[in-house]
Amino acid sequence: MKLNYYLKKYFSYYFIFSSFLLGGCSRINMRPMYGLNDALFQSSTSYREPSLGNKWIVSLVNYQGKDKIEMIDMNSRKRVPLPGLNRADSQPISVSLSANGERLALIRQRADQTELLIYRRRVGTLQRIELIPKGIPRRVSLDSSGKVLAVQVSREGKWDVEVIRLKG
């Protein structure tokens, strides 16, 4: 009898607590950022692989059937120049951005090579990252500091994730 009392009490507290949690979740104020979304959709037919920094968004965009990497300043809604990054002879596959917007990690296909690269925006340089053992990179994710990279890699028909600490 006492056990029934405690079980009923436990379940009533559980019900009240879970109702409170679920009710709290339903009140989250989520809404689209219309000004930013309008800026994104102005000149491209397709956006994918978005990555957010503190005040930037970077993604793969499609212009007239050709993919390229585009960066937008979320405050000004303007595109940020990325000199030396987008090449006519390459196809970007994946991109990720550091929090401060200074480093981009990317994977691109160029000729018969799939390359893993770091782009330093301030100086406009690309650095190739070699995978050891060799593999084919597919997806990339850069941590907020821009110093640690996670890469999805195909090796001998199996997918791996490799974490790489970057220098400098």
Protein backbone atom coordinates (compact mmCIF):
# COMPACT_ATOMS: atom_id res chain seq x y z
CA MET A 1 0.00 0.00 0.00
CA LYS A 2 2.81 2.38 0.90
CA LEU A 3 4.57 1.41 -2.33
CA ASN A 4 1.47 2.35 -4.34
CA TYR A 5 1.40 5.73 -2.63
CA TYR A 6 5.06 6.43 -3.49
CA LEU A 7 4.63 5.21 -7.07
CA LYS A 8 1.60 7.47 -7.59
CA LYS A 9 3.46 10.39 -6.06
CA TYR A 10 6.55 9.69 -8.20
CA PHE A 11 4.52 9.48 -11.41
CA SER A 12 2.58 12.65 -10.61
CA TYR A 13 5.86 14.54 -10.03
CA TYR A 14 7.28 12.99 -13.20
CA PHE A 15 4.21 14.06 -15.18
CA ILE A 16 4.34 17.63 -13.84
CA PHE A 17 8.09 17.89 -14.44
CA SER A 18 7.93 16.49 -17.98
CA SER A 19 4.95 18.72 -18.82
CA PHE A 20 6.92 21.71 -17.60
CA LEU A 21 9.92 20.73 -19.73
CA LEU A 22 7.85 20.10 -22.85
CA GLY A 23 5.90 23.30 -22.35
CA GLY A 24 9.15 25.24 -21.96
CA CYS A 25 10.53 23.79 -25.18
CA SER A 26 7.47 24.77 -27.16
CA ARG A 27 7.93 28.44 -26.24
CA ILE A 28 11.37 28.78 -27.83
CA ASN A 29 11.28 31.83 -30.03
CA MET A 30 12.57 30.60 -33.40
CA ARG A 31 12.10 32.76 -36.44
CA PRO A 32 13.83 33.18 -39.78
CA MET A 33 16.31 36.02 -40.22
CA TYR A 34 14.50 37.48 -43.23
CA GLY A 35 17.04 40.19 -44.11
CA LEU A 36 19.88 37.66 -44.09
CA ASN A 37 17.86 35.01 -45.90
CA ASP A 38 16.91 37.55 -48.58
CA ALA A 39 20.60 38.44 -49.03
CA LEU A 40 21.43 34.76 -49.44
CA PHE A 41 18.85 34.08 -52.11
CA GLN A 42 19.50 37.15 -54.28
CA SER A 43 21.79 35.75 -56.90
CA SER A 44 22.07 32.00 -56.53
CA THR A 45 19.79 29.12 -57.34
CA SER A 46 21.19 26.79 -54.68
CA TYR A 47 22.95 26.99 -51.31
CA ARG A 48 24.29 24.03 -49.34
CA GLU A 49 26.87 23.06 -46.71
CA PRO A 50 26.33 26.14 -44.50
CA SER A 51 28.83 26.91 -41.75
CA LEU A 52 28.47 29.75 -39.23
CA GLY A 53 31.17 31.89 -37.65
CA ASN A 54 30.55 34.64 -35.09
CA LYS A 55 29.40 37.11 -37.72
CA TRP A 56 29.80 35.27 -41.02
CA ILE A 57 28.13 32.47 -42.90
CA VAL A 58 29.93 30.48 -45.56
CA SER A 59 28.36 27.97 -47.92
CA LEU A 60 28.59 26.34 -51.30
CA VAL A 61 26.51 28.22 -53.85
CA ASN A 62 25.56 27.44 -57.40
CA TYR A 63 25.81 30.13 -60.05
CA GLN A 64 24.74 29.12 -63.55
CA GLY A 65 25.52 25.46 -62.94
CA LYS A 66 28.95 26.04 -61.30
CA ASP A 67 29.55 25.65 -57.56
CA LYS A 68 31.72 28.06 -55.60
CA ILE A 69 32.34 29.05 -51.99
CA GLU A 70 30.66 32.23 -50.82
CA MET A 71 31.00 34.11 -47.53
CA ILE A 72 28.50 36.67 -46.26
CA ASP A 73 28.92 39.15 -43.40
CA MET A 74 25.70 38.66 -41.42
CA ASN A 75 25.74 42.22 -40.04
CA SER A 76 26.13 44.09 -43.33
CA ARG A 77 24.50 41.34 -45.49
CA LYS A 78 27.35 41.81 -48.00
CA ARG A 79 29.46 39.19 -49.69
CA VAL A 80 33.05 38.95 -48.44
CA PRO A 81 35.78 38.69 -51.11
CA LEU A 82 37.71 35.41 -51.08
CA PRO A 83 40.59 36.07 -53.52
CA GLY A 84 42.37 32.98 -54.78
CA LEU A 85 39.83 30.55 -53.34
CA ASN A 86 37.35 29.80 -56.12
CA ARG A 87 39.03 28.44 -59.23
CA ALA A 88 37.51 27.71 -62.62
CA ASP A 89 39.26 24.31 -62.72
CA SER A 90 37.94 23.02 -59.38
CA GLN A 91 34.66 22.00 -57.78
CA PRO A 92 34.16 22.61 -54.01
CA ILE A 93 32.63 19.69 -52.11
CA SER A 94 32.57 20.78 -48.46
CA VAL A 95 33.43 23.92 -46.49
CA SER A 96 33.66 24.94 -42.83
CA LEU A 97 34.47 28.23 -41.10
CA SER A 98 36.27 29.22 -37.89
CA ALA A 99 34.37 31.45 -35.45
CA ASN A 100 36.44 34.54 -36.23
CA GLY A 101 36.03 34.01 -39.99
CA GLU A 102 39.77 33.98 -40.66
CA ARG A 103 40.13 30.32 -41.63
CA LEU A 104 38.08 28.18 -43.96
CA ALA A 105 38.59 24.45 -44.31
CA LEU A 106 37.49 23.05 -47.63
CA ILE A 107 37.47 19.99 -49.80
CA ARG A 108 37.52 20.40 -53.53
CA GLN A 109 37.79 18.23 -56.60
CA ARG A 110 40.42 19.35 -59.10
CA ALA A 111 41.20 17.22 -62.14
CA ASP A 112 41.37 13.69 -60.72
CA GLN A 113 42.41 14.82 -57.22
CA THR A 114 40.27 15.44 -54.14
CA GLU A 115 42.07 18.02 -51.99
CA LEU A 116 41.77 19.03 -48.33
CA LEU A 117 42.77 22.67 -47.89
CA ILE A 118 42.95 25.49 -45.36
CA TYR A 119 42.29 29.00 -46.64
CA ARG A 120 43.64 31.90 -44.60
CA ARG A 121 41.37 34.78 -45.50
CA ARG A 122 43.49 37.65 -44.18
CA VAL A 123 46.43 36.75 -46.43
CA GLY A 124 44.48 34.94 -49.17
CA THR A 125 46.57 31.76 -49.09
CA LEU A 126 45.66 28.10 -49.55
CA GLN A 127 47.52 25.34 -47.73
CA ARG A 128 47.06 21.71 -48.73
CA ILE A 129 46.66 19.22 -45.87
CA GLU A 130 48.00 15.72 -46.59
CA LEU A 131 46.14 12.78 -45.12
CA ILE A 132 48.32 10.02 -43.65
CA PRO A 133 47.50 7.30 -44.43
CA LYS A 134 46.16 8.42 -47.80
CA GLY A 135 42.42 8.66 -48.24
CA ILE A 136 39.71 10.58 -50.05
CA PRO A 137 38.23 13.41 -47.96
CA ARG A 138 34.47 13.99 -48.25
CA ARG A 139 33.25 16.29 -45.44
CA VAL A 140 35.13 18.77 -43.29
CA SER A 141 34.43 20.55 -40.01
CA LEU A 142 36.66 23.21 -38.47
CA ASP A 143 36.45 24.02 -34.77
CA SER A 144 35.68 27.55 -33.61
CA SER A 145 39.37 28.39 -33.01
CA GLY A 146 40.30 27.29 -36.53
CA LYS A 147 43.01 25.03 -35.15
CA VAL A 148 41.35 21.60 -35.11
CA LEU A 149 39.86 19.91 -38.12
CA ALA A 150 37.60 16.86 -38.37
CA VAL A 151 37.52 15.18 -41.77
CA GLN A 152 35.37 12.34 -43.07
CA VAL A 153 37.73 10.18 -45.12
CA SER A 154 37.20 7.15 -47.35
CA ARG A 155 39.94 4.52 -47.09
CA GLU A 156 39.73 1.12 -48.73
CA GLY A 157 35.95 1.29 -49.02
CA LYS A 158 35.42 2.29 -45.37
CA TRP A 159 34.53 5.70 -43.92
CA ASP A 160 36.71 7.09 -41.15
CA VAL A 161 36.79 10.38 -39.27
CA GLU A 162 40.19 11.87 -38.75
CA VAL A 163 40.91 14.74 -36.34
CA ILE A 164 43.85 16.94 -37.26
CA ARG A 165 45.50 19.66 -35.16
CA LEU A 166 46.65 22.51 -37.39
CA LYS A 167 49.79 24.53 -36.84
CA GLY A 168 49.76 28.31 -36.53
